[in-house]
């Protein structure tokens, strides 16, 4: 999410950016909890966890450089 002087920009899971005008918002709060289910990473191998972190930080872009 990014906030500008006139709108809030939200990136949907498919990558599309949706603009919501500030005038249409009553309230904007951050969630106190993560969207990731609790315990999801507990059973991942180190390489799987690394892949997940790379995916999340690249926002799912397939052409993101490998580290």
PDB file of N, CA and C in Angstrom:
ATOM      1  N   UNK A   1       0.838  -1.171   0.000  1.00  0.00           N
ATOM      2  CA  UNK A   1       0.000   0.000   0.000  1.00  0.00           C
ATOM      3  C   UNK A   1       0.890   1.242   0.000  1.00  0.00           C
ATOM      4  N   UNK A   2       0.454   2.231  -0.725  1.00  0.00           N
ATOM      5  CA  UNK A   2       1.146   3.522  -0.764  1.00  0.00           C
ATOM      6  C   UNK A   2       0.090   4.616  -0.699  1.00  0.00           C
ATOM      7  N   UNK A   3       0.379   5.622   0.062  1.00  0.00           N
ATOM      8  CA  UNK A   3      -0.567   6.727   0.181  1.00  0.00           C
ATOM      9  C   UNK A   3       0.001   7.965  -0.503  1.00  0.00           C
ATOM     10  N   UNK A   4      -0.800   8.601  -1.327  1.00  0.00           N
ATOM     11  CA  UNK A   4      -0.414   9.853  -1.973  1.00  0.00           C
ATOM     12  C   UNK A   4      -1.294  10.952  -1.398  1.00  0.00           C
ATOM     13  N   UNK A   5      -1.126  12.155  -1.890  1.00  0.00           N
ATOM     14  CA  UNK A   5      -1.940  13.284  -1.417  1.00  0.00           C
ATOM     15  C   UNK A   5      -3.404  13.130  -1.789  1.00  0.00           C
ATOM     16  N   UNK A   6      -3.692  12.336  -2.825  1.00  0.00           N
ATOM     17  CA  UNK A   6      -5.073  12.240  -3.314  1.00  0.00           C
ATOM     18  C   UNK A   6      -5.692  10.852  -3.209  1.00  0.00           C
ATOM     19  N   UNK A   7      -4.864   9.809  -2.992  1.00  0.00           N
ATOM     20  CA  UNK A   7      -5.419   8.448  -3.018  1.00  0.00           C
ATOM     21  C   UNK A   7      -4.528   7.465  -2.268  1.00  0.00           C
ATOM     22  N   UNK A   8      -5.097   6.295  -2.025  1.00  0.00           N
ATOM     23  CA  UNK A   8      -4.346   5.162  -1.505  1.00  0.00           C
ATOM     24  C   UNK A   8      -4.207   4.173  -2.653  1.00  0.00           C
ATOM     25  N   UNK A   9      -2.975   3.725  -2.896  1.00  0.00           N
ATOM     26  CA  UNK A   9      -2.710   2.773  -3.972  1.00  0.00           C
ATOM     27  C   UNK A   9      -2.494   1.400  -3.349  1.00  0.00           C
ATOM     28  N   UNK A  10      -3.244   0.429  -3.845  1.00  0.00           N
ATOM     29  CA  UNK A  10      -3.197  -0.924  -3.305  1.00  0.00           C
ATOM     30  C   UNK A  10      -2.825  -1.880  -4.423  1.00  0.00           C
ATOM     31  N   UNK A  11      -1.818  -2.720  -4.176  1.00  0.00           N
ATOM     32  CA  UNK A  11      -1.432  -3.730  -5.158  1.00  0.00           C
ATOM     33  C   UNK A  11      -2.204  -5.010  -4.863  1.00  0.00           C
ATOM     34  N   UNK A  12      -3.000  -5.452  -5.825  1.00  0.00           N
ATOM     35  CA  UNK A  12      -3.763  -6.681  -5.680  1.00  0.00           C
ATOM     36  C   UNK A  12      -2.851  -7.889  -5.902  1.00  0.00           C
ATOM     37  N   UNK A  13      -3.273  -9.077  -5.462  1.00  0.00           N
ATOM     38  CA  UNK A  13      -2.432 -10.273  -5.619  1.00  0.00           C
ATOM     39  C   UNK A  13      -1.977 -10.521  -7.063  1.00  0.00           C
ATOM     40  N   UNK A  14      -2.786 -10.168  -8.041  1.00  0.00           N
ATOM     41  CA  UNK A  14      -2.412 -10.380  -9.443  1.00  0.00           C
ATOM     42  C   UNK A  14      -1.416  -9.332  -9.931  1.00  0.00           C
ATOM     43  N   UNK A  15      -1.090  -8.340  -9.081  1.00  0.00           N
ATOM     44  CA  UNK A  15      -0.125  -7.324  -9.436  1.00  0.00           C
ATOM     45  C   UNK A  15      -0.724  -6.014  -9.905  1.00  0.00           C
ATOM     46  N   UNK A  16      -2.023  -5.992 -10.147  1.00  0.00           N
ATOM     47  CA  UNK A  16      -2.692  -4.764 -10.591  1.00  0.00           C
ATOM     48  C   UNK A  16      -2.744  -3.765  -9.440  1.00  0.00           C
ATOM     49  N   UNK A  17      -2.515  -2.491  -9.747  1.00  0.00           N
ATOM     50  CA  UNK A  17      -2.586  -1.442  -8.736  1.00  0.00           C
ATOM     51  C   UNK A  17      -3.935  -0.746  -8.838  1.00  0.00           C
ATOM     52  N   UNK A  18      -4.621  -0.677  -7.696  1.00  0.00           N
ATOM     53  CA  UNK A  18      -5.936  -0.054  -7.613  1.00  0.00           C
ATOM     54  C   UNK A  18      -5.785   1.242  -6.821  1.00  0.00           C
ATOM     55  N   UNK A  19      -6.368   2.309  -7.335  1.00  0.00           N
ATOM     56  CA  UNK A  19      -6.326   3.606  -6.673  1.00  0.00           C
ATOM     57  C   UNK A  19      -7.677   3.882  -6.018  1.00  0.00           C
ATOM     58  N   UNK A  20      -7.645   4.159  -4.709  1.00  0.00           N
ATOM     59  CA  UNK A  20      -8.859   4.491  -3.968  1.00  0.00           C
ATOM     60  C   UNK A  20      -8.725   5.949  -3.516  1.00  0.00           C
ATOM     61  N   UNK A  21      -9.573   6.831  -4.016  1.00  0.00           N
ATOM     62  CA  UNK A  21      -9.486   8.247  -3.635  1.00  0.00           C
ATOM     63  C   UNK A  21      -9.622   8.443  -2.117  1.00  0.00           C
ATOM     64  N   UNK A  22      -8.816   9.333  -1.565  1.00  0.00           N
ATOM     65  CA  UNK A  22      -8.886   9.606  -0.128  1.00  0.00           C
ATOM     66  C   UNK A  22     -10.289  10.032   0.295  1.00  0.00           C
ATOM     67  N   UNK A  23     -11.004  10.735  -0.577  1.00  0.00           N
ATOM     68  CA  UNK A  23     -12.362  11.189  -0.255  1.00  0.00           C
ATOM     69  C   UNK A  23     -13.326  10.017  -0.050  1.00  0.00           C
ATOM     70  N   UNK A  24     -12.987   8.839  -0.599  1.00  0.00           N
ATOM     71  CA  UNK A  24     -13.850   7.660  -0.458  1.00  0.00           C
ATOM     72  C   UNK A  24     -13.545   6.861   0.803  1.00  0.00           C
ATOM     73  N   UNK A  25     -12.520   7.245   1.528  1.00  0.00           N
ATOM     74  CA  UNK A  25     -12.112   6.503   2.728  1.00  0.00           C
ATOM     75  C   UNK A  25     -12.688   7.140   3.982  1.00  0.00           C
ATOM     76  N   UNK A  26     -13.240   6.304   4.833  1.00  0.00           N
ATOM     77  CA  UNK A  26     -13.675   6.789   6.144  1.00  0.00           C
ATOM     78  C   UNK A  26     -12.548   6.651   7.140  1.00  0.00           C
ATOM     79  N   UNK A  27     -11.808   5.526   7.034  1.00  0.00           N
ATOM     80  CA  UNK A  27     -10.781   5.215   8.009  1.00  0.00           C
ATOM     81  C   UNK A  27      -9.764   4.291   7.352  1.00  0.00           C
ATOM     82  N   UNK A  28      -8.496   4.414   7.736  1.00  0.00           N
ATOM     83  CA  UNK A  28      -7.447   3.560   7.208  1.00  0.00           C
ATOM     84  C   UNK A  28      -6.607   3.083   8.378  1.00  0.00           C
ATOM     85  N   UNK A  29      -6.655   1.794   8.661  1.00  0.00           N
ATOM     86  CA  UNK A  29      -5.918   1.213   9.777  1.00  0.00           C
ATOM     87  C   UNK A  29      -5.002   0.116   9.286  1.00  0.00           C
ATOM     88  N   UNK A  30      -3.862  -0.023   9.925  1.00  0.00           N
ATOM     89  CA  UNK A  30      -2.970  -1.152   9.659  1.00  0.00           C
ATOM     90  C   UNK A  30      -3.469  -2.354  10.451  1.00  0.00           C
ATOM     91  N   UNK A  31      -3.365  -3.521   9.852  1.00  0.00           N
ATOM     92  CA  UNK A  31      -3.784  -4.744  10.542  1.00  0.00           C
ATOM     93  C   UNK A  31      -2.775  -5.070  11.643  1.00  0.00           C
ATOM     94  N   UNK A  32      -3.251  -5.455  12.810  1.00  0.00           N
ATOM     95  CA  UNK A  32      -2.325  -5.814  13.890  1.00  0.00           C
ATOM     96  C   UNK A  32      -1.724  -7.212  13.711  1.00  0.00           C
ATOM     97  N   UNK A  33      -2.223  -7.960  12.741  1.00  0.00           N
ATOM     98  CA  UNK A  33      -1.714  -9.314  12.523  1.00  0.00           C
ATOM     99  C   UNK A  33      -1.274  -9.478  11.068  1.00  0.00           C
ATOM    100  N   UNK A  34      -0.378 -10.405  10.860  1.00  0.00           N
ATOM    101  CA  UNK A  34       0.112 -10.700   9.520  1.00  0.00           C
ATOM    102  C   UNK A  34      -0.943 -11.477   8.742  1.00  0.00           C
ATOM    103  N   UNK A  35      -0.933 -11.308   7.407  1.00  0.00           N
ATOM    104  CA  UNK A  35      -1.814 -12.105   6.563  1.00  0.00           C
ATOM    105  C   UNK A  35      -1.313 -13.539   6.427  1.00  0.00           C
ATOM    106  N   UNK A  36      -0.028 -13.763   6.772  1.00  0.00           N
ATOM    107  CA  UNK A  36       0.535 -15.101   6.681  1.00  0.00           C
ATOM    108  C   UNK A  36       0.030 -15.932   7.866  1.00  0.00           C
ATOM    109  N   UNK A  37      -0.504 -17.114   7.589  1.00  0.00           N
ATOM    110  CA  UNK A  37      -1.019 -17.954   8.678  1.00  0.00           C
ATOM    111  C   UNK A  37       0.067 -18.301   9.689  1.00  0.00           C
ATOM    112  N   UNK A  38      -0.280 -18.330  10.981  1.00  0.00           N
ATOM    113  CA  UNK A  38       0.694 -18.688  12.012  1.00  0.00           C
ATOM    114  C   UNK A  38       1.266 -20.086  11.763  1.00  0.00           C
ATOM    115  N   UNK A  39       2.557 -20.220  11.961  1.00  0.00           N
ATOM    116  CA  UNK A  39       3.198 -21.527  11.842  1.00  0.00           C
ATOM    117  C   UNK A  39       3.508 -21.958  10.423  1.00  0.00           C
ATOM    118  N   UNK A  40       3.185 -21.135   9.437  1.00  0.00           N
ATOM    119  CA  UNK A  40       3.391 -21.518   8.042  1.00  0.00           C
ATOM    120  C   UNK A  40       4.850 -21.863   7.754  1.00  0.00           C
ATOM    121  N   UNK A  41       5.767 -21.119   8.326  1.00  0.00           N
ATOM    122  CA  UNK A  41       7.181 -21.330   8.019  1.00  0.00           C
ATOM    123  C   UNK A  41       7.844 -22.393   8.893  1.00  0.00           C
ATOM    124  N   UNK A  42       7.140 -22.893   9.891  1.00  0.00           N
ATOM    125  CA  UNK A  42       7.737 -23.848  10.830  1.00  0.00           C
ATOM    126  C   UNK A  42       8.250 -25.116  10.160  1.00  0.00           C
ATOM    127  N   UNK A  43       7.600 -25.549   9.108  1.00  0.00           N
ATOM    128  CA  UNK A  43       7.972 -26.811   8.470  1.00  0.00           C
ATOM    129  C   UNK A  43       8.762 -26.631   7.181  1.00  0.00           C
ATOM    130  N   UNK A  44       9.144 -25.404   6.880  1.00  0.00           N
ATOM    131  CA  UNK A  44       9.913 -25.163   5.664  1.00  0.00           C
ATOM    132  C   UNK A  44      11.395 -25.427   5.904  1.00  0.00           C
ATOM    133  N   UNK A  45      12.039 -26.023   4.892  1.00  0.00           N
ATOM    134  CA  UNK A  45      13.491 -26.178   4.920  1.00  0.00           C
ATOM    135  C   UNK A  45      14.108 -24.794   4.721  1.00  0.00           C
ATOM    136  N   UNK A  46      15.366 -24.617   5.101  1.00  0.00           N
ATOM    137  CA  UNK A  46      16.010 -23.300   4.916  1.00  0.00           C
ATOM    138  C   UNK A  46      15.948 -22.794   3.471  1.00  0.00           C
ATOM    139  N   UNK A  47      16.130 -23.686   2.486  1.00  0.00           N
ATOM    140  CA  UNK A  47      16.077 -23.239   1.093  1.00  0.00           C
ATOM    141  C   UNK A  47      14.654 -22.831   0.691  1.00  0.00           C
ATOM    142  N   UNK A  48      13.642 -23.496   1.236  1.00  0.00           N
ATOM    143  CA  UNK A  48      12.254 -23.132   0.944  1.00  0.00           C
ATOM    144  C   UNK A  48      11.907 -21.780   1.576  1.00  0.00           C
ATOM    145  N   UNK A  49      12.397 -21.562   2.794  1.00  0.00           N
ATOM    146  CA  UNK A  49      12.167 -20.286   3.466  1.00  0.00           C
ATOM    147  C   UNK A  49      12.853 -19.155   2.701  1.00  0.00           C
ATOM    148  N   UNK A  50      14.051 -19.412   2.223  1.00  0.00           N
ATOM    149  CA  UNK A  50      14.767 -18.424   1.409  1.00  0.00           C
ATOM    150  C   UNK A  50      13.987 -18.101   0.134  1.00  0.00           C
ATOM    151  N   UNK A  51      13.468 -19.136  -0.530  1.00  0.00           N
ATOM    152  CA  UNK A  51      12.658 -18.926  -1.737  1.00  0.00           C
ATOM    153  C   UNK A  51      11.407 -18.101  -1.429  1.00  0.00           C
ATOM    154  N   UNK A  52      10.765 -18.390  -0.306  1.00  0.00           N
ATOM    155  CA  UNK A  52       9.567 -17.648   0.086  1.00  0.00           C
ATOM    156  C   UNK A  52       9.906 -16.180   0.339  1.00  0.00           C
ATOM    157  N   UNK A  53      10.988 -15.923   1.050  1.00  0.00           N
ATOM    158  CA  UNK A  53      11.383 -14.545   1.328  1.00  0.00           C
ATOM    159  C   UNK A  53      11.732 -13.808   0.029  1.00  0.00           C
ATOM    160  N   UNK A  54      12.411 -14.485  -0.887  1.00  0.00           N
ATOM    161  CA  UNK A  54      12.745 -13.873  -2.176  1.00  0.00           C
ATOM    162  C   UNK A  54      11.468 -13.523  -2.937  1.00  0.00           C
ATOM    163  N   UNK A  55      10.505 -14.444  -2.930  1.00  0.00           N
ATOM    164  CA  UNK A  55       9.223 -14.200  -3.604  1.00  0.00           C
ATOM    165  C   UNK A  55       8.497 -13.012  -2.990  1.00  0.00           C
ATOM    166  N   UNK A  56       8.416 -12.968  -1.677  1.00  0.00           N
ATOM    167  CA  UNK A  56       7.680 -11.893  -1.008  1.00  0.00           C
ATOM    168  C   UNK A  56       8.346 -10.536  -1.210  1.00  0.00           C
ATOM    169  N   UNK A  57       9.662 -10.495  -1.145  1.00  0.00           N
ATOM    170  CA  UNK A  57      10.342  -9.218  -1.303  1.00  0.00           C
ATOM    171  C   UNK A  57      10.373  -8.747  -2.745  1.00  0.00           C
ATOM    172  N   UNK A  58      10.198  -9.664  -3.694  1.00  0.00           N
ATOM    173  CA  UNK A  58      10.142  -9.268  -5.102  1.00  0.00           C
ATOM    174  C   UNK A  58       8.705  -8.994  -5.540  1.00  0.00           C
ATOM    175  N   UNK A  59       7.773  -9.165  -4.598  1.00  0.00           N
ATOM    176  CA  UNK A  59       6.340  -9.014  -4.867  1.00  0.00           C
ATOM    177  C   UNK A  59       5.880  -9.950  -5.966  1.00  0.00           C
ATOM    178  N   UNK A  60       6.506 -11.122  -6.054  1.00  0.00           N
ATOM    179  CA  UNK A  60       6.071 -12.140  -6.991  1.00  0.00           C
ATOM    180  C   UNK A  60       6.520 -11.954  -8.415  1.00  0.00           C
ATOM    181  N   UNK A  61       7.366 -10.955  -8.677  1.00  0.00           N
ATOM    182  CA  UNK A  61       7.830 -10.719 -10.055  1.00  0.00           C
ATOM    183  C   UNK A  61       8.759 -11.859 -10.483  1.00  0.00           C
ATOM    184  N   UNK A  62       8.443 -12.503 -11.576  1.00  0.00           N
ATOM    185  CA  UNK A  62       9.222 -13.643 -12.037  1.00  0.00           C
ATOM    186  C   UNK A  62      10.621 -13.257 -12.493  1.00  0.00           C
ATOM    187  N   UNK A  63      10.803 -12.028 -12.939  1.00  0.00           N
ATOM    188  CA  UNK A  63      12.100 -11.613 -13.445  1.00  0.00           C
ATOM    189  C   UNK A  63      12.993 -11.003 -12.378  1.00  0.00           C
ATOM    190  N   UNK A  64      12.609 -11.128 -11.112  1.00  0.00           N
ATOM    191  CA  UNK A  64      13.432 -10.590 -10.029  1.00  0.00           C
ATOM    192  C   UNK A  64      14.735 -11.380  -9.952  1.00  0.00           C
ATOM    193  N   UNK A  65      15.856 -10.709  -9.697  1.00  0.00           N
ATOM    194  CA  UNK A  65      17.149 -11.405  -9.650  1.00  0.00           C
ATOM    195  C   UNK A  65      17.239 -12.356  -8.473  1.00  0.00           C
ATOM    196  N   UNK A  66      17.867 -13.491  -8.700  1.00  0.00           N
ATOM    197  CA  UNK A  66      18.103 -14.453  -7.626  1.00  0.00           C
ATOM    198  C   UNK A  66      19.262 -13.959  -6.786  1.00  0.00           C
ATOM    199  N   UNK A  67      19.202 -14.231  -5.509  1.00  0.00           N
ATOM    200  CA  UNK A  67      20.281 -13.797  -4.605  1.00  0.00           C
ATOM    201  C   UNK A  67      21.001 -14.971  -4.031  1.00  0.00           C
TER     202      UNK A  67
END
